[in-house]
Amino acid sequence: MSYVVKEALAGFRRTKGMGFISVGTTAVSLVVFGGLLLILLSLYSLVDQVKSRVQIEIYLSDAANREQILELEKRLKAMPEVKDVLYVDKEMAAAEFRKTFGEGFLDAVSQNPLPASLKVTLTSGYRSSEKIAAIVKAVEKEKAVEEIEYGRKWVEKLDRLIYVLSVVAVLVTLVIGAASVFVISNTVNLTILARRDSIEIMRLVGATDSFIRAPFLLEGIIGGTLGGSIAAALLYFVHRWLSLRFPSLISVSGAELAVWLMIPLGMVLGGLGSRLAIRRVLKHLP
C-alpha cells in the first residue's frame, strides 16, 4: 500500500503538466455539470413554489344546510391529502370579490350572487393533477357541492414541466458524466503513455497487471478529488453570491449538498477514467 501511495504521488511530480490538465479537465467538467444541476434545482424549486399555491375551491349549493357543510368539511379534513380546509361564507366571498374587482360590480345586482365555498389546501405530496382529480371525484357527488374548481389545465401544465425537467436532469447527468469520463480517460491516457517504458519494464520483471494498475488508479482518484474540490469551491462561492443577489430564485433547499457532492463525484470520475485508460494501455502492451 505504501508503494502504491508513493508511486501515485510521484506520478504527479513526474508529469506535472499532464497532471494539472487532468485536474483542470475534471474541475471544468464538474463545474458545467454542477451549474446545470443547480439551474435544474432552482427550476424545480420555482415550480414547487407555484404548486404550493394550488387549492381546490368547492363551491357550495345555496340549498346546502349547515349540517351538510360541516359533514363535508369533516370528511375533507380526514383525508391525508388535505392540509387545511377554510370555510368562506357568502359575505366573505363578496368582500374578497370587492377587494379584487372593486365596488361597482356587486352594487349593480340586488342580492349577493356569490356562493359560499370551501378552500382546500393540499399537502406537498398530493399536488399533481391525478391526485387532485381523485380528491375531486371523492366529494363531487356530495349534496352540498355545486361546483369544484382547481385550475386543472395549468396544474397539468406544471406536471408536464416537472416531467420535462426530470428527463432533462437524467439526460444531462448521462451526457456530461459520459463526456467527463471520456475526456479524463484520454487525458490520463497521455500521462500513462508518457510512462510506457517504465510500465513495460515492470511487466518484464514479472509485475502483475493489478500491481501496475494500482498507482495509476490512486493517481486518478487523487486528481479527481482535487478537480472535484476546485469545482465544489467555485460552485459554492458562485451559488452564495447569486443567492444573496437573487434570494427568491437561487436559494434552494439542498443546493449546498449538491455542490459538495462534486468532490465524491470527481473521485469516482477520476478513478473510472484512470481505470479505462490503464486497461487500454495494458491491453496493447506485449
C-alpha atoms as a PDB file:
ATOM      1  CA  MET A   1       0.000   0.000   0.000  1.00  0.00           C
ATOM      2  CA  SER A   2       2.845   2.383   0.841  1.00  0.00           C
ATOM      3  CA  TYR A   3       4.359   1.673  -2.591  1.00  0.00           C
ATOM      4  CA  VAL A   4       1.034   2.469  -4.308  1.00  0.00           C
ATOM      5  CA  VAL A   5       0.679   5.792  -2.459  1.00  0.00           C
ATOM      6  CA  LYS A   6       4.339   6.720  -3.068  1.00  0.00           C
ATOM      7  CA  GLU A   7       4.094   5.921  -6.791  1.00  0.00           C
ATOM      8  CA  ALA A   8       0.795   7.796  -7.179  1.00  0.00           C
ATOM      9  CA  LEU A   9       2.274  10.960  -5.636  1.00  0.00           C
ATOM     10  CA  ALA A  10       5.479  10.517  -7.626  1.00  0.00           C
ATOM     11  CA  GLY A  11       3.377  10.266 -10.780  1.00  0.00           C
ATOM     12  CA  PHE A  12       2.079  13.784 -10.151  1.00  0.00           C
ATOM     13  CA  ARG A  13       5.603  15.088  -9.716  1.00  0.00           C
ATOM     14  CA  ARG A  14       6.881  13.362 -12.863  1.00  0.00           C
ATOM     15  CA  THR A  15       4.041  14.567 -15.111  1.00  0.00           C
ATOM     16  CA  LYS A  16       3.246  17.957 -13.642  1.00  0.00           C
ATOM     17  CA  GLY A  17       1.774  19.435 -16.810  1.00  0.00           C
ATOM     18  CA  MET A  18      -0.437  16.446 -17.642  1.00  0.00           C
ATOM     19  CA  GLY A  19      -1.476  16.133 -14.008  1.00  0.00           C
ATOM     20  CA  PHE A  20      -2.649  19.743 -13.932  1.00  0.00           C
ATOM     21  CA  ILE A  21      -4.510  19.198 -17.221  1.00  0.00           C
ATOM     22  CA  SER A  22      -6.237  16.126 -15.768  1.00  0.00           C
ATOM     23  CA  VAL A  23      -7.265  18.005 -12.604  1.00  0.00           C
ATOM     24  CA  GLY A  24      -8.396  21.023 -14.654  1.00  0.00           C
ATOM     25  CA  THR A  25     -10.409  18.831 -17.019  1.00  0.00           C
ATOM     26  CA  THR A  26     -12.197  17.211 -14.092  1.00  0.00           C
ATOM     27  CA  ALA A  27     -12.860  20.599 -12.485  1.00  0.00           C
ATOM     28  CA  VAL A  28     -14.283  22.133 -15.683  1.00  0.00           C
ATOM     29  CA  SER A  29     -16.485  19.089 -16.349  1.00  0.00           C
ATOM     30  CA  LEU A  30     -17.868  19.165 -12.816  1.00  0.00           C
ATOM     31  CA  VAL A  31     -18.400  22.951 -12.852  1.00  0.00           C
ATOM     32  CA  VAL A  32     -20.520  22.558 -16.005  1.00  0.00           C
ATOM     33  CA  PHE A  33     -22.407  19.605 -14.527  1.00  0.00           C
ATOM     34  CA  GLY A  34     -22.859  21.261 -11.124  1.00  0.00           C
ATOM     35  CA  GLY A  35     -24.001  24.550 -12.718  1.00  0.00           C
ATOM     36  CA  LEU A  36     -26.655  22.775 -14.786  1.00  0.00           C
ATOM     37  CA  LEU A  37     -27.697  20.779 -11.720  1.00  0.00           C
ATOM     38  CA  LEU A  38     -28.170  23.980  -9.685  1.00  0.00           C
ATOM     39  CA  ILE A  39     -30.203  25.535 -12.513  1.00  0.00           C
ATOM     40  CA  LEU A  40     -32.469  22.471 -12.599  1.00  0.00           C
ATOM     41  CA  LEU A  41     -32.833  22.549  -8.801  1.00  0.00           C
ATOM     42  CA  SER A  42     -33.789  26.242  -8.976  1.00  0.00           C
ATOM     43  CA  LEU A  43     -36.422  25.479 -11.631  1.00  0.00           C
ATOM     44  CA  TYR A  44     -37.765  22.622  -9.503  1.00  0.00           C
ATOM     45  CA  SER A  45     -37.975  24.993  -6.536  1.00  0.00           C
ATOM     46  CA  LEU A  46     -39.858  27.635  -8.542  1.00  0.00           C
ATOM     47  CA  VAL A  47     -42.344  25.043  -9.833  1.00  0.00           C
ATOM     48  CA  ASP A  48     -42.798  23.726  -6.289  1.00  0.00           C
ATOM     49  CA  GLN A  49     -43.474  27.265  -5.022  1.00  0.00           C
ATOM     50  CA  VAL A  50     -46.169  27.706  -7.674  1.00  0.00           C
ATOM     51  CA  LYS A  51     -47.693  24.306  -6.901  1.00  0.00           C
ATOM     52  CA  SER A  52     -47.781  25.145  -3.182  1.00  0.00           C
ATOM     53  CA  ARG A  53     -50.475  27.722  -4.059  1.00  0.00           C
ATOM     54  CA  VAL A  54     -52.716  25.105  -5.666  1.00  0.00           C
ATOM     55  CA  GLN A  55     -56.108  24.995  -3.961  1.00  0.00           C
ATOM     56  CA  ILE A  56     -59.320  23.122  -4.596  1.00  0.00           C
ATOM     57  CA  GLU A  57     -62.250  25.508  -4.336  1.00  0.00           C
ATOM     58  CA  ILE A  58     -65.528  23.725  -3.639  1.00  0.00           C
ATOM     59  CA  TYR A  59     -68.498  25.986  -4.327  1.00  0.00           C
ATOM     60  CA  LEU A  60     -71.434  25.118  -2.114  1.00  0.00           C
ATOM     61  CA  SER A  61     -75.074  24.904  -3.143  1.00  0.00           C
ATOM     62  CA  ASP A  62     -77.356  27.625  -1.761  1.00  0.00           C
ATOM     63  CA  ALA A  63     -79.685  24.801  -0.701  1.00  0.00           C
ATOM     64  CA  ALA A  64     -76.996  23.152   1.445  1.00  0.00           C
ATOM     65  CA  ASN A  65     -77.657  23.313   5.181  1.00  0.00           C
ATOM     66  CA  ARG A  66     -75.070  23.816   7.917  1.00  0.00           C
ATOM     67  CA  GLU A  67     -75.042  20.129   8.853  1.00  0.00           C
ATOM     68  CA  GLN A  68     -74.218  19.049   5.276  1.00  0.00           C
ATOM     69  CA  ILE A  69     -71.435  21.632   5.037  1.00  0.00           C
ATOM     70  CA  LEU A  70     -69.902  20.542   8.362  1.00  0.00           C
ATOM     71  CA  GLU A  71     -70.068  16.895   7.301  1.00  0.00           C
ATOM     72  CA  LEU A  72     -68.290  17.687   4.027  1.00  0.00           C
ATOM     73  CA  GLU A  73     -65.675  19.768   5.847  1.00  0.00           C
ATOM     74  CA  LYS A  74     -65.085  16.937   8.340  1.00  0.00           C
ATOM     75  CA  ARG A  75     -64.693  14.397   5.533  1.00  0.00           C
ATOM     76  CA  LEU A  76     -62.155  16.580   3.739  1.00  0.00           C
ATOM     77  CA  LYS A  77     -60.068  17.169   6.877  1.00  0.00           C
ATOM     78  CA  ALA A  78     -59.914  13.400   7.463  1.00  0.00           C
ATOM     79  CA  MET A  79     -58.177  12.888   4.097  1.00  0.00           C
ATOM     80  CA  PRO A  80     -54.363  12.534   4.346  1.00  0.00           C
ATOM     81  CA  GLU A  81     -54.048  14.583   1.115  1.00  0.00           C
ATOM     82  CA  VAL A  82     -55.660  17.639   2.733  1.00  0.00           C
ATOM     83  CA  LYS A  83     -53.596  20.081   4.769  1.00  0.00           C
ATOM     84  CA  ASP A  84     -56.300  22.610   5.648  1.00  0.00           C
ATOM     85  CA  VAL A  85     -59.940  23.472   4.862  1.00  0.00           C
ATOM     86  CA  LEU A  86     -61.192  27.052   5.062  1.00  0.00           C
ATOM     87  CA  TYR A  87     -64.910  27.857   5.004  1.00  0.00           C
ATOM     88  CA  VAL A  88     -65.761  31.080   3.104  1.00  0.00           C
ATOM     89  CA  ASP A  89     -69.344  32.271   3.514  1.00  0.00           C
ATOM     90  CA  LYS A  90     -71.221  34.462   1.026  1.00  0.00           C
ATOM     91  CA  GLU A  91     -70.330  37.701   2.807  1.00  0.00           C
ATOM     92  CA  MET A  92     -66.616  36.835   2.918  1.00  0.00           C
ATOM     93  CA  ALA A  93     -66.754  35.887  -0.774  1.00  0.00           C
ATOM     94  CA  ALA A  94     -68.345  39.261  -1.576  1.00  0.00           C
ATOM     95  CA  ALA A  95     -65.717  41.143   0.432  1.00  0.00           C
ATOM     96  CA  GLU A  96     -62.927  39.270  -1.386  1.00  0.00           C
ATOM     97  CA  PHE A  97     -64.585  39.993  -4.750  1.00  0.00           C
ATOM     98  CA  ARG A  98     -64.829  43.724  -3.983  1.00  0.00           C
ATOM     99  CA  LYS A  99     -61.181  43.785  -2.899  1.00  0.00           C
ATOM    100  CA  THR A 100     -60.123  42.218  -6.207  1.00  0.00           C
ATOM    101  CA  PHE A 101     -62.506  43.829  -8.707  1.00  0.00           C
ATOM    102  CA  GLY A 102     -63.787  46.966  -6.974  1.00  0.00           C
ATOM    103  CA  GLU A 103     -67.164  48.013  -5.624  1.00  0.00           C
ATOM    104  CA  GLY A 104     -69.133  48.595  -8.809  1.00  0.00           C
ATOM    105  CA  PHE A 105     -69.835  45.047  -9.968  1.00  0.00           C
ATOM    106  CA  LEU A 106     -71.780  43.757  -6.952  1.00  0.00           C
ATOM    107  CA  ASP A 107     -73.605  47.067  -6.450  1.00  0.00           C
ATOM    108  CA  ALA A 108     -75.322  46.501  -9.800  1.00  0.00           C
ATOM    109  CA  VAL A 109     -77.242  43.451  -8.505  1.00  0.00           C
ATOM    110  CA  SER A 110     -79.979  43.359  -5.867  1.00  0.00           C
ATOM    111  CA  GLN A 111     -78.518  40.464  -3.861  1.00  0.00           C
ATOM    112  CA  ASN A 112     -75.190  38.729  -3.434  1.00  0.00           C
ATOM    113  CA  PRO A 113     -74.865  36.124  -6.240  1.00  0.00           C
ATOM    114  CA  LEU A 114     -71.602  34.637  -4.962  1.00  0.00           C
ATOM    115  CA  PRO A 115     -71.775  31.173  -3.377  1.00  0.00           C
ATOM    116  CA  ALA A 116     -70.188  30.056  -0.143  1.00  0.00           C
ATOM    117  CA  SER A 117     -67.208  27.766  -0.620  1.00  0.00           C
ATOM    118  CA  LEU A 118     -64.606  25.536   0.978  1.00  0.00           C
ATOM    119  CA  LYS A 119     -60.981  26.307   0.092  1.00  0.00           C
ATOM    120  CA  VAL A 120     -58.936  23.127   0.361  1.00  0.00           C
ATOM    121  CA  THR A 121     -55.140  23.372   0.751  1.00  0.00           C
ATOM    122  CA  LEU A 122     -53.199  20.219  -0.124  1.00  0.00           C
ATOM    123  CA  THR A 123     -50.127  18.637   1.440  1.00  0.00           C
ATOM    124  CA  SER A 124     -46.919  18.765  -0.592  1.00  0.00           C
ATOM    125  CA  GLY A 125     -47.098  15.183  -1.865  1.00  0.00           C
ATOM    126  CA  TYR A 126     -50.614  15.488  -3.308  1.00  0.00           C
ATOM    127  CA  ARG A 127     -50.475  18.413  -5.731  1.00  0.00           C
ATOM    128  CA  SER A 128     -50.333  16.531  -9.025  1.00  0.00           C
ATOM    129  CA  SER A 129     -53.303  16.656 -11.398  1.00  0.00           C
ATOM    130  CA  GLU A 130     -54.031  12.923 -10.931  1.00  0.00           C
ATOM    131  CA  LYS A 131     -54.177  13.125  -7.129  1.00  0.00           C
ATOM    132  CA  ILE A 132     -56.239  16.318  -7.164  1.00  0.00           C
ATOM    133  CA  ALA A 133     -58.664  14.672  -9.612  1.00  0.00           C
ATOM    134  CA  ALA A 134     -59.006  11.726  -7.185  1.00  0.00           C
ATOM    135  CA  ILE A 135     -59.931  14.105  -4.334  1.00  0.00           C
ATOM    136  CA  VAL A 136     -62.440  15.906  -6.549  1.00  0.00           C
ATOM    137  CA  LYS A 137     -64.018  12.608  -7.601  1.00  0.00           C
ATOM    138  CA  ALA A 138     -64.384  11.567  -3.951  1.00  0.00           C
ATOM    139  CA  VAL A 139     -66.509  14.610  -2.985  1.00  0.00           C
ATOM    140  CA  GLU A 140     -68.137  15.888  -6.195  1.00  0.00           C
ATOM    141  CA  LYS A 141     -71.315  13.844  -5.618  1.00  0.00           C
ATOM    142  CA  GLU A 142     -71.957  15.306  -2.181  1.00  0.00           C
ATOM    143  CA  LYS A 143     -75.292  17.097  -1.841  1.00  0.00           C
ATOM    144  CA  ALA A 144     -73.688  20.290  -0.560  1.00  0.00           C
ATOM    145  CA  VAL A 145     -71.410  20.587  -3.621  1.00  0.00           C
ATOM    146  CA  GLU A 146     -72.473  22.818  -6.508  1.00  0.00           C
ATOM    147  CA  GLU A 147     -69.182  23.014  -8.451  1.00  0.00           C
ATOM    148  CA  ILE A 148     -65.472  22.307  -7.954  1.00  0.00           C
ATOM    149  CA  GLU A 149     -62.636  24.348  -9.450  1.00  0.00           C
ATOM    150  CA  TYR A 150     -58.877  23.836  -9.130  1.00  0.00           C
ATOM    151  CA  GLY A 151     -57.331  25.178 -12.349  1.00  0.00           C
ATOM    152  CA  ARG A 152     -56.983  21.735 -13.929  1.00  0.00           C
ATOM    153  CA  LYS A 153     -55.282  22.948 -17.132  1.00  0.00           C
ATOM    154  CA  TRP A 154     -52.440  24.850 -15.517  1.00  0.00           C
ATOM    155  CA  VAL A 155     -51.895  22.113 -12.906  1.00  0.00           C
ATOM    156  CA  GLU A 156     -51.488  19.635 -15.785  1.00  0.00           C
ATOM    157  CA  LYS A 157     -49.022  22.041 -17.447  1.00  0.00           C
ATOM    158  CA  LEU A 158     -46.978  22.184 -14.233  1.00  0.00           C
ATOM    159  CA  ASP A 159     -46.947  18.372 -14.092  1.00  0.00           C
ATOM    160  CA  ARG A 160     -45.688  18.233 -17.676  1.00  0.00           C
ATOM    161  CA  LEU A 161     -42.988  20.804 -16.827  1.00  0.00           C
ATOM    162  CA  ILE A 162     -41.809  18.688 -13.867  1.00  0.00           C
ATOM    163  CA  TYR A 163     -41.682  15.626 -16.139  1.00  0.00           C
ATOM    164  CA  VAL A 164     -39.623  17.522 -18.742  1.00  0.00           C
ATOM    165  CA  LEU A 165     -37.224  18.788 -16.037  1.00  0.00           C
ATOM    166  CA  SER A 166     -36.791  15.229 -14.735  1.00  0.00           C
ATOM    167  CA  VAL A 167     -35.982  13.920 -18.220  1.00  0.00           C
ATOM    168  CA  VAL A 168     -33.551  16.800 -18.823  1.00  0.00           C
ATOM    169  CA  ALA A 169     -31.843  16.134 -15.468  1.00  0.00           C
ATOM    170  CA  VAL A 170     -31.316  12.454 -16.342  1.00  0.00           C
ATOM    171  CA  LEU A 171     -30.036  13.272 -19.848  1.00  0.00           C
ATOM    172  CA  VAL A 172     -27.685  15.978 -18.575  1.00  0.00           C
ATOM    173  CA  THR A 173     -26.300  13.585 -15.952  1.00  0.00           C
ATOM    174  CA  LEU A 174     -25.721  10.825 -18.520  1.00  0.00           C
ATOM    175  CA  VAL A 175     -24.243  13.071 -21.228  1.00  0.00           C
ATOM    176  CA  ILE A 176     -21.920  15.113 -19.013  1.00  0.00           C
ATOM    177  CA  GLY A 177     -20.944  12.050 -16.970  1.00  0.00           C
ATOM    178  CA  ALA A 178     -20.010  10.094 -20.117  1.00  0.00           C
ATOM    179  CA  ALA A 179     -18.213  13.108 -21.627  1.00  0.00           C
ATOM    180  CA  SER A 180     -16.278  13.682 -18.389  1.00  0.00           C
ATOM    181  CA  VAL A 181     -15.145  10.057 -18.193  1.00  0.00           C
ATOM    182  CA  PHE A 182     -14.115  10.155 -21.875  1.00  0.00           C
ATOM    183  CA  VAL A 183     -12.110  13.380 -21.539  1.00  0.00           C
ATOM    184  CA  ILE A 184     -10.493  12.366 -18.242  1.00  0.00           C
ATOM    185  CA  SER A 185      -9.687   8.909 -19.625  1.00  0.00           C
ATOM    186  CA  ASN A 186      -7.960  10.391 -22.675  1.00  0.00           C
ATOM    187  CA  THR A 187      -6.064  12.915 -20.565  1.00  0.00           C
ATOM    188  CA  VAL A 188      -4.892  10.199 -18.161  1.00  0.00           C
ATOM    189  CA  ASN A 189      -4.090   8.023 -21.177  1.00  0.00           C
ATOM    190  CA  LEU A 190      -1.490  10.598 -22.290  1.00  0.00           C
ATOM    191  CA  THR A 191       0.025  10.552 -18.803  1.00  0.00           C
ATOM    192  CA  ILE A 192       0.263   6.768 -18.849  1.00  0.00           C
ATOM    193  CA  LEU A 193       1.742   6.678 -22.358  1.00  0.00           C
ATOM    194  CA  ALA A 194       4.464   9.082 -21.170  1.00  0.00           C
ATOM    195  CA  ARG A 195       5.436   6.348 -18.677  1.00  0.00           C
ATOM    196  CA  ARG A 196       5.043   3.453 -21.102  1.00  0.00           C
ATOM    197  CA  ASP A 197       8.716   2.432 -20.821  1.00  0.00           C
ATOM    198  CA  SER A 198       8.557   2.038 -17.052  1.00  0.00           C
ATOM    199  CA  ILE A 199       5.333   0.021 -17.360  1.00  0.00           C
ATOM    200  CA  GLU A 200       6.974  -2.316 -19.906  1.00  0.00           C
ATOM    201  CA  ILE A 201       9.975  -2.821 -17.597  1.00  0.00           C
ATOM    202  CA  MET A 202       7.657  -3.614 -14.667  1.00  0.00           C
ATOM    203  CA  ARG A 203       5.890  -6.207 -16.799  1.00  0.00           C
ATOM    204  CA  LEU A 204       9.185  -7.755 -17.918  1.00  0.00           C
ATOM    205  CA  VAL A 205      10.302  -8.271 -14.314  1.00  0.00           C
ATOM    206  CA  GLY A 206       7.040 -10.062 -13.500  1.00  0.00           C
ATOM    207  CA  ALA A 207       4.731  -7.347 -12.112  1.00  0.00           C
ATOM    208  CA  THR A 208       1.039  -8.255 -12.341  1.00  0.00           C
ATOM    209  CA  ASP A 209      -1.496  -6.008 -14.055  1.00  0.00           C
ATOM    210  CA  SER A 210      -3.110  -5.269 -10.674  1.00  0.00           C
ATOM    211  CA  PHE A 211       0.236  -4.168  -9.249  1.00  0.00           C
ATOM    212  CA  ILE A 212       0.874  -1.891 -12.264  1.00  0.00           C
ATOM    213  CA  ARG A 213      -2.671  -0.562 -12.305  1.00  0.00           C
ATOM    214  CA  ALA A 214      -2.981   0.380  -8.595  1.00  0.00           C
ATOM    215  CA  PRO A 215      -0.770   3.541  -8.565  1.00  0.00           C
ATOM    216  CA  PHE A 216      -2.489   4.908 -11.689  1.00  0.00           C
ATOM    217  CA  LEU A 217      -5.934   4.290 -10.186  1.00  0.00           C
ATOM    218  CA  LEU A 218      -4.955   6.090  -6.979  1.00  0.00           C
ATOM    219  CA  GLU A 219      -3.394   8.888  -9.020  1.00  0.00           C
ATOM    220  CA  GLY A 220      -6.676   9.252 -10.943  1.00  0.00           C
ATOM    221  CA  ILE A 221      -8.702   9.244  -7.717  1.00  0.00           C
ATOM    222  CA  ILE A 222      -6.452  11.923  -6.181  1.00  0.00           C
ATOM    223  CA  GLY A 223      -6.658  14.036  -9.351  1.00  0.00           C
ATOM    224  CA  GLY A 224     -10.427  13.595  -9.499  1.00  0.00           C
ATOM    225  CA  THR A 225     -10.766  14.578  -5.835  1.00  0.00           C
ATOM    226  CA  LEU A 226      -8.693  17.722  -6.411  1.00  0.00           C
ATOM    227  CA  GLY A 227     -10.751  18.586  -9.503  1.00  0.00           C
ATOM    228  CA  GLY A 228     -13.988  17.951  -7.612  1.00  0.00           C
ATOM    229  CA  SER A 229     -12.805  20.132  -4.716  1.00  0.00           C
ATOM    230  CA  ILE A 230     -11.978  23.008  -7.080  1.00  0.00           C
ATOM    231  CA  ALA A 231     -15.366  22.652  -8.800  1.00  0.00           C
ATOM    232  CA  ALA A 232     -17.208  22.489  -5.454  1.00  0.00           C
ATOM    233  CA  ALA A 233     -15.433  25.606  -4.157  1.00  0.00           C
ATOM    234  CA  LEU A 234     -16.196  27.596  -7.322  1.00  0.00           C
ATOM    235  CA  LEU A 235     -19.831  26.485  -7.391  1.00  0.00           C
ATOM    236  CA  TYR A 236     -20.231  27.207  -3.669  1.00  0.00           C
ATOM    237  CA  PHE A 237     -18.992  30.796  -3.910  1.00  0.00           C
ATOM    238  CA  VAL A 238     -20.952  31.497  -7.114  1.00  0.00           C
ATOM    239  CA  HIS A 239     -24.105  29.998  -5.576  1.00  0.00           C
ATOM    240  CA  ARG A 240     -23.671  32.014  -2.367  1.00  0.00           C
ATOM    241  CA  TRP A 241     -23.184  35.228  -4.343  1.00  0.00           C
ATOM    242  CA  LEU A 242     -26.223  34.621  -6.552  1.00  0.00           C
ATOM    243  CA  SER A 243     -28.399  33.578  -3.598  1.00  0.00           C
ATOM    244  CA  LEU A 244     -27.599  36.899  -1.890  1.00  0.00           C
ATOM    245  CA  ARG A 245     -28.402  38.855  -5.065  1.00  0.00           C
ATOM    246  CA  PHE A 246     -31.487  36.844  -6.080  1.00  0.00           C
ATOM    247  CA  PRO A 247     -32.744  35.057  -2.926  1.00  0.00           C
ATOM    248  CA  SER A 248     -36.189  34.196  -4.309  1.00  0.00           C
ATOM    249  CA  LEU A 249     -34.747  32.494  -7.403  1.00  0.00           C
ATOM    250  CA  ILE A 250     -31.459  30.938  -6.322  1.00  0.00           C
ATOM    251  CA  SER A 251     -31.902  29.956  -2.667  1.00  0.00           C
ATOM    252  CA  VAL A 252     -32.766  26.275  -2.988  1.00  0.00           C
ATOM    253  CA  SER A 253     -33.013  23.663  -0.255  1.00  0.00           C
ATOM    254  CA  GLY A 254     -30.333  21.027  -0.772  1.00  0.00           C
ATOM    255  CA  ALA A 255     -28.301  23.137  -3.227  1.00  0.00           C
ATOM    256  CA  GLU A 256     -25.209  23.264  -0.993  1.00  0.00           C
ATOM    257  CA  LEU A 257     -25.334  19.481  -0.580  1.00  0.00           C
ATOM    258  CA  ALA A 258     -25.450  19.130  -4.377  1.00  0.00           C
ATOM    259  CA  VAL A 259     -22.405  21.423  -4.630  1.00  0.00           C
ATOM    260  CA  TRP A 260     -20.290  19.374  -2.192  1.00  0.00           C
ATOM    261  CA  LEU A 261     -21.305  16.153  -3.946  1.00  0.00           C
ATOM    262  CA  MET A 262     -18.940  17.271  -6.704  1.00  0.00           C
ATOM    263  CA  ILE A 263     -15.999  16.044  -4.551  1.00  0.00           C
ATOM    264  CA  PRO A 264     -17.011  12.338  -4.340  1.00  0.00           C
ATOM    265  CA  LEU A 265     -18.260  12.556  -7.928  1.00  0.00           C
ATOM    266  CA  GLY A 266     -14.839  13.845  -9.032  1.00  0.00           C
ATOM    267  CA  MET A 267     -13.235  10.971  -7.109  1.00  0.00           C
ATOM    268  CA  VAL A 268     -15.421   8.438  -8.961  1.00  0.00           C
ATOM    269  CA  LEU A 269     -14.851  10.043 -12.377  1.00  0.00           C
ATOM    270  CA  GLY A 270     -11.081  10.247 -11.821  1.00  0.00           C
ATOM    271  CA  GLY A 271     -10.880   6.612 -10.756  1.00  0.00           C
ATOM    272  CA  LEU A 272     -13.095   5.409 -13.610  1.00  0.00           C
ATOM    273  CA  GLY A 273     -11.207   7.460 -16.206  1.00  0.00           C
ATOM    274  CA  SER A 274      -7.875   6.106 -14.950  1.00  0.00           C
ATOM    275  CA  ARG A 275      -9.164   2.545 -14.938  1.00  0.00           C
ATOM    276  CA  LEU A 276     -10.302   2.798 -18.559  1.00  0.00           C
ATOM    277  CA  ALA A 277      -7.034   4.428 -19.624  1.00  0.00           C
ATOM    278  CA  ILE A 278      -4.679   1.947 -17.939  1.00  0.00           C
ATOM    279  CA  ARG A 279      -6.720  -1.027 -19.159  1.00  0.00           C
ATOM    280  CA  ARG A 280      -6.476   0.330 -22.706  1.00  0.00           C
ATOM    281  CA  VAL A 281      -2.696   0.747 -22.439  1.00  0.00           C
ATOM    282  CA  LEU A 282      -2.063  -2.632 -20.788  1.00  0.00           C
ATOM    283  CA  LYS A 283      -4.156  -4.347 -23.447  1.00  0.00           C
ATOM    284  CA  HIS A 284      -1.774  -3.181 -26.192  1.00  0.00           C
ATOM    285  CA  LEU A 285       1.485  -3.860 -24.350  1.00  0.00           C
ATOM    286  CA  PRO A 286       3.370  -7.083 -25.104  1.00  0.00           C
END
